[in-house]
Amino acid sequence: METARKDIKALAKEASLLPQEELLQVLAGQSDLLIGIPKETSLQEKRVALVPEAVALLVAHGHQVIVESGAGKNSHFEDIEYSESGARISHDRNDVFQSSLVLKVGPPSMEEVRMMGIGATLISAIQLSVQNEKLLELLCKKKTTCIAWDYIKNVNGLYPLVRAMGEIAGNVCIITAGELLSGEKGRGMMLGGISGVRPSEVVILGAGTVGEFAARAAMGLGAQVKIFDNRPHRLVRIQQSLGARVWTSTLQPSVLNEALKTADVAIGSIKGDGQRAPMIVSESMVSSMKEGSVIIDVCIDTGGCFETSRITSHECPTYVENGVIHYCVPNIASSVSGTASQALSNIIAPLLLSIAADGGVSTAIRMANIVRSGVYMYKGVITNRGVAEERGLPYKDLDLLLAAY
């Protein structure tokens, strides 16, 4: 008996010296997604989250895509294009919202949330001005996981989707300003400059993405550009980004007032730290501007930078106050819906593929996929402090919540 025990010990010792198989973490396999793309119903929203080419890419990877009939029409994408890309076209709106992952551009309405299934995932923009506590409470009740595409940050700490829309808005601002400045109500001027003629002057409030691309477009036309911002590091960055010496200043009222007096175009693109944009330009400052000059308030969806701003529409985009043309259309990027949809789709489609490769939404969030930065509700629990405090609702830290599940 004793000899048998010694033999067993000798065998065990010998086995421990043999090469061992390395133990590796077992990762979840790819999860096939069921993606629903409804037609946007928000005011003036003409974009679509995925274009037909992106749908074809997702279908080729084994995912199912249900597109509501007419979802791409305002972006000039027809149902037949989506169908040929492998999507299923549905005329039943409820059918689309029963998808496990609902993908929208604008925030959902109460009616849309009611149609969603229990435990679904919603990817859309978040606009707290239209998402009240009742809507958030209904999302909580349905155990929804909500991801705001405008909160998603990449590994460099940048917001790729917000930046893409900012680039478009900045360029559209200058194109629109040029049309208004030369139009019937304008000053009959070309935005820019030619030999022997004084160039037009453009004042830009805000040195963010919109301000940068508006400045780039205006300078490309030959206009004189002045940029104001209260964040010196942004003024330094925009100087470096533009690759040219451009007139910059902090927001000093006397300096700004003098700049506006000679400006042909003023663009407001300053986002506040809170939910409302700061009101920078008073009515008296606007009244000192030249007759026929143009104001474009990019921040109108959060209150606007100009005291005289009020929301207009793509159908009736302008009004004249104090002799100055005001263009205050929210969601400027939607005016070029085809380009904007393509830009959104170029970022969202690879994001969906990475979610699927990680094993689904919940696994991707656990694995610190970049989608995690956009999560503001996880399985019916609000995980973004700012969202919860804005609406007076309870909040739990996402890391603690993941540890509990």
Protein backbone atom coordinates (compact mmCIF):
# COMPACT_ATOMS: atom_id res chain seq x y z
CA MET A 1 0.00 0.00 0.00
CA GLU A 2 2.81 2.35 0.97
CA THR A 3 4.65 1.49 -2.26
CA ALA A 4 1.53 2.34 -4.31
CA ARG A 5 1.27 5.75 -2.63
CA LYS A 6 4.94 6.49 -3.41
CA ASP A 7 4.38 5.51 -7.05
CA ILE A 8 1.39 7.89 -7.31
CA LYS A 9 3.42 10.75 -5.80
CA ALA A 10 6.27 10.08 -8.23
CA LEU A 11 3.88 10.17 -11.18
CA ALA A 12 2.31 13.43 -9.95
CA LYS A 13 5.73 15.02 -9.54
CA GLU A 14 6.76 13.91 -13.00
CA ALA A 15 3.55 15.30 -14.51
CA SER A 16 4.13 18.68 -12.86
CA LEU A 17 7.46 18.97 -14.67
CA LEU A 18 5.92 18.36 -18.09
CA PRO A 19 4.99 21.33 -20.36
CA GLN A 20 1.60 22.68 -19.30
CA GLU A 21 -1.12 24.03 -21.56
CA GLU A 22 -1.47 27.80 -21.08
CA LEU A 23 -4.80 28.88 -19.64
CA LEU A 24 -6.25 31.78 -21.61
CA GLN A 25 -9.30 33.91 -20.98
CA VAL A 26 -12.26 32.55 -22.90
CA LEU A 27 -13.89 35.41 -24.77
CA ALA A 28 -17.47 35.51 -25.95
CA GLY A 29 -17.97 34.70 -29.60
CA GLN A 30 -19.50 37.11 -32.08
CA SER A 31 -23.08 38.02 -31.41
CA ASP A 32 -25.46 38.44 -34.34
CA LEU A 33 -27.31 41.73 -34.04
CA LEU A 34 -30.92 42.51 -34.96
CA ILE A 35 -30.85 46.21 -35.86
CA GLY A 36 -33.95 48.31 -36.42
CA ILE A 37 -33.73 51.63 -38.30
CA PRO A 38 -36.95 53.63 -37.99
CA LYS A 39 -37.94 56.67 -39.98
CA GLU A 40 -37.00 59.84 -38.11
CA THR A 41 -39.95 61.90 -36.88
CA SER A 42 -38.15 64.65 -34.94
CA LEU A 43 -38.70 68.20 -36.15
CA GLN A 44 -36.47 68.94 -39.17
CA GLU A 45 -34.52 65.69 -38.82
CA LYS A 46 -33.70 64.44 -42.33
CA ARG A 47 -30.73 62.18 -41.61
CA VAL A 48 -30.66 58.40 -41.38
CA ALA A 49 -28.27 56.48 -39.12
CA LEU A 50 -27.06 53.95 -41.72
CA VAL A 51 -26.76 54.31 -45.49
CA PRO A 52 -27.29 51.29 -47.81
CA GLU A 53 -23.54 50.57 -48.15
CA ALA A 54 -23.22 50.26 -44.37
CA VAL A 55 -26.24 47.97 -44.24
CA ALA A 56 -24.61 45.72 -46.85
CA LEU A 57 -21.46 45.57 -44.69
CA LEU A 58 -23.43 44.54 -41.60
CA VAL A 59 -25.49 41.95 -43.48
CA ALA A 60 -22.28 40.48 -44.94
CA HIS A 61 -21.13 39.91 -41.34
CA GLY A 62 -24.28 37.96 -40.53
CA HIS A 63 -26.41 40.66 -38.91
CA GLN A 64 -30.07 41.39 -39.62
CA VAL A 65 -31.22 44.91 -40.43
CA ILE A 66 -34.86 46.00 -40.52
CA VAL A 67 -35.45 49.39 -42.16
CA GLU A 68 -38.77 51.20 -41.92
CA SER A 69 -40.09 52.10 -45.34
CA GLY A 70 -39.09 55.67 -46.21
CA ALA A 71 -36.41 55.90 -43.49
CA GLY A 72 -33.79 57.08 -45.99
CA LYS A 73 -36.04 59.13 -48.26
CA ASN A 74 -35.11 62.55 -46.82
CA SER A 75 -31.44 61.63 -47.31
CA HIS A 76 -32.16 60.52 -50.89
CA PHE A 77 -31.80 56.78 -50.21
CA GLU A 78 -34.68 54.69 -51.54
CA ASP A 79 -36.17 51.52 -50.05
CA ILE A 80 -34.94 49.51 -53.05
CA GLU A 81 -31.34 50.48 -52.25
CA TYR A 82 -31.69 49.15 -48.70
CA SER A 83 -33.46 46.03 -49.92
CA GLU A 84 -30.71 45.30 -52.45
CA SER A 85 -28.17 45.76 -49.63
CA GLY A 86 -29.81 42.93 -47.69
CA ALA A 87 -32.13 44.82 -45.34
CA ARG A 88 -35.71 43.82 -44.73
CA ILE A 89 -38.08 46.70 -45.49
CA SER A 90 -40.95 46.96 -43.04
CA HIS A 91 -44.11 49.02 -43.37
CA ASP A 92 -44.97 48.23 -39.75
CA ARG A 93 -43.36 50.81 -37.46
CA ASN A 94 -43.95 48.63 -34.41
CA ASP A 95 -42.05 45.78 -36.09
CA VAL A 96 -38.94 47.98 -36.43
CA PHE A 97 -39.05 49.05 -32.78
CA GLN A 98 -39.26 45.43 -31.63
CA SER A 99 -35.64 44.94 -32.75
CA SER A 100 -33.16 44.16 -29.99
CA LEU A 101 -31.07 47.17 -31.06
CA VAL A 102 -32.90 50.31 -32.23
CA LEU A 103 -30.70 52.79 -34.08
CA LYS A 104 -31.86 56.39 -34.44
CA VAL A 105 -30.35 59.79 -35.21
CA GLY A 106 -32.63 61.94 -33.05
CA PRO A 107 -33.84 61.13 -29.53
CA PRO A 108 -36.91 58.89 -29.19
CA SER A 109 -40.44 60.08 -28.55
CA MET A 110 -42.77 58.63 -25.91
CA GLU A 111 -44.68 56.79 -28.63
CA GLU A 112 -41.48 55.21 -29.94
CA VAL A 113 -40.34 54.11 -26.48
CA ARG A 114 -43.73 52.47 -25.88
CA MET A 115 -43.19 50.36 -29.01
CA MET A 116 -39.76 49.13 -27.88
CA GLY A 117 -39.34 45.69 -26.35
CA ILE A 118 -38.24 44.96 -22.79
CA GLY A 119 -34.45 44.90 -22.40
CA ALA A 120 -33.73 46.43 -25.81
CA THR A 121 -30.79 48.68 -26.63
CA LEU A 122 -31.29 52.20 -27.96
CA ILE A 123 -28.54 54.11 -29.77
CA SER A 124 -29.51 57.70 -30.55
CA ALA A 125 -28.61 61.29 -29.80
CA ILE A 126 -29.52 62.56 -26.36
CA GLN A 127 -31.19 65.94 -26.13
CA LEU A 128 -32.26 66.61 -22.57
CA SER A 129 -34.38 69.52 -23.75
CA VAL A 130 -36.81 67.00 -25.28
CA GLN A 131 -36.12 63.96 -23.08
CA ASN A 132 -38.13 64.72 -19.96
CA GLU A 133 -38.29 62.66 -16.78
CA LYS A 134 -41.39 60.75 -17.92
CA LEU A 135 -39.63 59.52 -21.05
CA LEU A 136 -36.55 58.51 -19.04
CA GLU A 137 -38.74 56.76 -16.46
CA LEU A 138 -40.43 54.76 -19.23
CA LEU A 139 -37.03 53.74 -20.61
CA CYS A 140 -36.08 52.63 -17.08
CA LYS A 141 -39.31 50.66 -16.73
CA LYS A 142 -38.54 48.81 -19.97
CA LYS A 143 -35.03 47.89 -18.69
CA THR A 144 -33.52 49.65 -21.70
CA THR A 145 -29.81 50.13 -22.27
CA CYS A 146 -29.36 53.59 -23.78
CA ILE A 147 -26.26 54.80 -25.61
CA ALA A 148 -25.94 58.41 -26.74
CA TRP A 149 -23.88 58.60 -29.93
CA ASP A 150 -23.01 62.21 -29.10
CA TYR A 151 -21.41 61.04 -25.80
CA ILE A 152 -19.19 58.39 -27.40
CA LYS A 153 -15.47 59.13 -27.02
CA ASN A 154 -12.65 57.39 -28.87
CA VAL A 155 -9.31 56.32 -27.38
CA ASN A 156 -7.93 59.82 -27.95
CA GLY A 157 -10.68 61.39 -25.86
CA LEU A 158 -12.39 62.92 -28.90
CA TYR A 159 -16.08 62.70 -29.81
CA PRO A 160 -15.94 61.35 -33.39
CA LEU A 161 -19.63 61.67 -34.22
CA VAL A 162 -19.99 65.13 -32.71
CA ARG A 163 -16.85 66.25 -34.53
CA ALA A 164 -18.13 64.92 -37.86
CA MET A 165 -21.39 66.85 -37.47
CA GLY A 166 -19.42 69.93 -36.35
CA GLU A 167 -17.28 69.81 -39.47
CA ILE A 168 -20.39 69.75 -41.63
CA ALA A 169 -22.11 72.53 -39.66
CA GLY A 170 -19.04 74.77 -39.90
CA ASN A 171 -18.84 74.41 -43.66
CA VAL A 172 -22.59 74.81 -44.17
CA CYS A 173 -22.51 78.03 -42.10
CA ILE A 174 -20.19 79.71 -44.58
CA ILE A 175 -22.04 78.41 -47.66
CA THR A 176 -25.32 79.68 -46.19
CA ALA A 177 -23.81 83.00 -45.13
CA GLY A 178 -22.51 83.56 -48.66
CA GLU A 179 -25.95 82.97 -50.16
CA LEU A 180 -27.66 85.29 -47.67
CA LEU A 181 -25.04 88.03 -47.93
CA SER A 182 -25.37 88.18 -51.72
CA GLY A 183 -29.14 87.69 -51.76
CA GLU A 184 -32.02 90.13 -52.07
CA LYS A 185 -32.11 90.99 -48.36
CA GLY A 186 -28.32 90.97 -48.02
CA ARG A 187 -25.68 93.50 -48.94
CA GLY A 188 -25.08 92.28 -52.48
CA MET A 189 -21.62 91.19 -51.43
CA MET A 190 -19.59 88.13 -52.23
CA LEU A 191 -18.33 86.31 -49.15
CA GLY A 192 -14.56 86.45 -49.52
CA GLY A 193 -12.42 88.88 -51.42
CA ILE A 194 -11.04 89.70 -54.85
CA SER A 195 -8.19 91.94 -55.96
CA GLY A 196 -8.83 95.61 -55.25
CA VAL A 197 -12.01 95.02 -53.20
CA ARG A 198 -12.18 94.99 -49.41
CA PRO A 199 -12.68 91.41 -48.24
CA SER A 200 -15.73 90.57 -46.18
CA GLU A 201 -15.29 90.18 -42.42
CA VAL A 202 -16.46 87.12 -40.51
CA VAL A 203 -16.71 87.05 -36.70
CA ILE A 204 -16.85 83.56 -35.16
CA LEU A 205 -17.84 82.97 -31.54
CA GLY A 206 -16.32 79.69 -30.41
CA ALA A 207 -13.06 77.95 -31.31
CA GLY A 208 -14.45 74.42 -31.29
CA THR A 209 -14.98 72.14 -34.27
CA VAL A 210 -17.75 74.27 -35.82
CA GLY A 211 -15.68 77.43 -35.40
CA GLU A 212 -12.57 75.78 -36.82
CA PHE A 213 -14.24 74.55 -40.00
CA ALA A 214 -16.22 77.74 -40.48
CA ALA A 215 -12.95 79.69 -40.22
CA ARG A 216 -11.23 77.30 -42.62
CA ALA A 217 -13.98 77.69 -45.23
CA ALA A 218 -14.18 81.49 -44.85
CA MET A 219 -10.41 81.92 -45.11
CA GLY A 220 -10.41 79.69 -48.18
CA LEU A 221 -12.73 82.20 -49.84
CA GLY A 222 -10.49 85.10 -48.87
CA ALA A 223 -12.53 86.54 -45.99
CA GLN A 224 -10.96 88.18 -42.95
CA VAL A 225 -11.76 86.05 -39.90
CA LYS A 226 -11.87 86.99 -36.22
CA ILE A 227 -12.35 84.23 -33.64
CA PHE A 228 -13.50 84.76 -30.05
CA ASP A 229 -13.41 82.20 -27.23
CA ASN A 230 -12.85 82.35 -23.47
CA ARG A 231 -10.69 79.21 -23.48
CA PRO A 232 -7.13 80.24 -24.40
CA HIS A 233 -6.04 76.65 -25.07
CA ARG A 234 -8.69 76.40 -27.79
CA LEU A 235 -7.48 79.62 -29.39
CA VAL A 236 -3.94 78.18 -29.43
CA ARG A 237 -5.19 74.90 -30.88
CA ILE A 238 -7.19 76.58 -33.65
CA GLN A 239 -4.16 78.67 -34.64
CA GLN A 240 -2.13 75.48 -34.96
CA SER A 241 -4.91 73.60 -36.76
CA LEU A 242 -5.54 76.30 -39.35
CA GLY A 243 -1.83 76.55 -40.09
CA ALA A 244 -2.07 80.31 -40.48
CA ARG A 245 -2.05 83.36 -38.28
CA VAL A 246 -5.66 84.24 -37.62
CA TRP A 247 -7.03 87.06 -35.46
CA THR A 248 -8.13 85.66 -32.08
CA SER A 249 -9.32 87.15 -28.80
CA THR A 250 -10.94 86.21 -25.54
CA LEU A 251 -14.53 87.37 -25.09
CA GLN A 252 -13.99 90.97 -24.06
CA PRO A 253 -17.29 92.89 -24.60
CA SER A 254 -15.67 96.09 -25.89
CA VAL A 255 -13.44 94.21 -28.36
CA LEU A 256 -16.33 92.01 -29.51
CA ASN A 257 -18.60 95.03 -29.96
CA GLU A 258 -16.07 96.78 -32.20
CA ALA A 259 -15.58 93.62 -34.27
CA LEU A 260 -19.34 93.22 -34.78
CA LYS A 261 -19.72 96.81 -36.02
CA THR A 262 -17.63 96.03 -39.10
CA ALA A 263 -18.63 92.37 -39.50
CA ASP A 264 -20.50 91.15 -42.55
CA VAL A 265 -21.17 87.74 -40.98
CA ALA A 266 -21.35 86.65 -37.31
CA ILE A 267 -21.47 82.97 -36.38
CA GLY A 268 -22.36 81.75 -32.88
CA SER A 269 -20.97 78.32 -32.00
CA ILE A 270 -20.18 78.47 -28.27
CA LYS A 271 -21.58 75.61 -26.24
CA GLY A 272 -22.07 76.25 -22.53
CA ASP A 273 -20.84 74.04 -19.70
CA GLY A 274 -24.47 73.45 -18.77
CA GLN A 275 -27.38 72.61 -21.03
CA ARG A 276 -27.93 76.18 -22.25
CA ALA A 277 -25.61 78.06 -24.58
CA PRO A 278 -24.29 81.33 -23.10
CA MET A 279 -25.94 84.49 -24.43
CA ILE A 280 -22.90 86.44 -25.65
CA VAL A 281 -24.27 89.13 -27.98
CA SER A 282 -26.88 91.56 -26.66
CA GLU A 283 -29.59 93.20 -28.74
CA SER A 284 -27.73 96.52 -28.60
CA MET A 285 -24.66 94.82 -30.10
CA VAL A 286 -26.81 93.37 -32.89
CA SER A 287 -28.34 96.78 -33.61
CA SER A 288 -24.84 98.20 -34.10
CA MET A 289 -24.13 95.75 -36.95
CA LYS A 290 -24.36 96.83 -40.58
CA GLU A 291 -27.72 96.61 -42.31
CA GLY A 292 -27.91 93.49 -44.46
CA SER A 293 -25.24 91.66 -42.48
CA VAL A 294 -25.85 88.04 -41.46
CA ILE A 295 -26.09 86.19 -38.13
CA ILE A 296 -25.97 82.39 -38.07
CA ASP A 297 -26.67 80.95 -34.61
CA VAL A 298 -25.50 77.34 -34.57
CA CYS A 299 -26.38 77.04 -30.86
CA ILE A 300 -30.05 77.90 -31.29
CA ASP A 301 -31.09 74.37 -30.23
CA THR A 302 -29.70 75.16 -26.75
CA GLY A 303 -30.90 78.75 -26.51
CA GLY A 304 -28.55 80.60 -28.84
CA CYS A 305 -25.61 82.99 -28.46
CA PHE A 306 -27.49 86.09 -29.65
CA GLU A 307 -30.23 87.83 -27.68
CA THR A 308 -32.22 88.37 -30.88
CA SER A 309 -32.15 84.69 -31.92
CA ARG A 310 -35.31 82.61 -32.20
CA ILE A 311 -35.76 79.18 -33.74
CA THR A 312 -36.52 79.00 -37.47
CA SER A 313 -36.96 76.03 -39.82
CA HIS A 314 -35.41 74.67 -43.00
CA GLU A 315 -38.62 75.67 -44.80
CA CYS A 316 -38.55 79.26 -43.47
CA PRO A 317 -34.96 79.69 -42.29
CA THR A 318 -34.49 83.45 -41.91
CA TYR A 319 -35.97 86.62 -40.49
CA VAL A 320 -34.71 90.20 -40.28
CA GLU A 321 -34.35 92.03 -36.97
CA ASN A 322 -32.58 95.35 -36.45
CA GLY A 323 -31.75 95.23 -40.15
CA VAL A 324 -29.70 92.04 -39.69
CA ILE A 325 -30.57 88.73 -41.37
CA HIS A 326 -30.88 85.94 -38.78
CA TYR A 327 -30.48 82.27 -39.71
CA CYS A 328 -31.40 80.21 -36.63
CA VAL A 329 -32.15 76.71 -37.87
CA PRO A 330 -31.42 73.95 -35.34
CA ASN A 331 -29.61 70.87 -36.60
CA ILE A 332 -27.82 72.63 -39.46
CA ALA A 333 -26.11 69.39 -40.53
CA SER A 334 -29.52 67.99 -41.49
CA SER A 335 -29.76 70.53 -44.32
CA VAL A 336 -27.18 68.40 -46.17
CA SER A 337 -28.75 65.15 -45.03
CA GLY A 338 -27.01 62.93 -47.59
CA THR A 339 -23.52 64.01 -46.56
CA ALA A 340 -24.42 64.00 -42.86
CA SER A 341 -25.94 60.50 -43.06
CA GLN A 342 -22.83 59.18 -44.82
CA ALA A 343 -20.61 60.72 -42.13
CA LEU A 344 -22.69 59.19 -39.32
CA SER A 345 -22.80 55.83 -41.05
CA ASN A 346 -19.02 55.75 -41.57
CA ILE A 347 -18.55 55.82 -37.78
CA ILE A 348 -21.60 53.91 -36.56
CA ALA A 349 -21.21 50.83 -38.81
CA PRO A 350 -17.68 49.92 -37.56
CA LEU A 351 -18.90 50.60 -34.02
CA LEU A 352 -21.71 48.07 -34.45
CA LEU A 353 -19.26 45.52 -35.86
CA SER A 354 -17.00 45.97 -32.83
CA ILE A 355 -19.98 45.51 -30.48
CA ALA A 356 -20.88 42.27 -32.26
CA ALA A 357 -17.27 41.05 -32.23
CA ASP A 358 -17.15 41.59 -28.46
CA GLY A 359 -20.20 39.38 -28.00
CA GLY A 360 -23.04 41.89 -27.87
CA VAL A 361 -23.87 45.17 -26.18
CA SER A 362 -23.53 44.06 -22.55
CA THR A 363 -20.23 42.29 -23.17
CA ALA A 364 -18.86 45.22 -25.17
CA ILE A 365 -19.69 47.57 -22.29
CA ARG A 366 -17.94 45.26 -19.82
CA MET A 367 -14.87 45.03 -22.06
CA ALA A 368 -14.53 48.83 -22.11
CA ASN A 369 -15.42 49.09 -25.79
CA ILE A 370 -15.57 52.79 -26.75
CA VAL A 371 -19.36 52.44 -26.79
CA ARG A 372 -19.18 52.38 -22.98
CA SER A 373 -18.46 56.12 -22.88
CA GLY A 374 -21.86 56.76 -24.46
CA VAL A 375 -23.91 54.71 -21.97
CA TYR A 376 -26.31 56.82 -19.92
CA MET A 377 -28.68 54.01 -18.94
CA TYR A 378 -27.85 50.34 -18.35
CA LYS A 379 -30.69 47.82 -18.15
CA GLY A 380 -33.08 50.44 -16.87
CA VAL A 381 -30.73 52.22 -14.45
CA ILE A 382 -29.45 55.72 -15.22
CA THR A 383 -25.65 55.68 -15.14
CA ASN A 384 -24.84 59.25 -16.19
CA ARG A 385 -24.78 61.64 -13.23
CA GLY A 386 -25.46 64.72 -15.38
CA VAL A 387 -28.54 63.18 -16.98
CA ALA A 388 -29.92 62.03 -13.61
CA GLU A 389 -29.33 65.34 -11.85
CA GLU A 390 -30.83 67.34 -14.73
CA ARG A 391 -34.11 65.46 -14.37
CA GLY A 392 -34.03 64.73 -10.63
CA LEU A 393 -33.85 60.95 -11.07
CA PRO A 394 -31.76 58.33 -9.19
CA TYR A 395 -28.31 57.45 -10.50
CA LYS A 396 -25.87 54.56 -10.07
CA ASP A 397 -22.24 54.34 -11.13
CA LEU A 398 -21.82 52.10 -14.19
CA ASP A 399 -18.73 50.33 -12.81
CA LEU A 400 -20.56 49.39 -9.60
CA LEU A 401 -23.58 48.30 -11.59
CA LEU A 402 -21.50 46.03 -13.84
CA ALA A 403 -19.89 44.46 -10.78
CA ALA A 404 -23.34 43.64 -9.42
CA TYR A 405 -24.59 41.90 -12.58
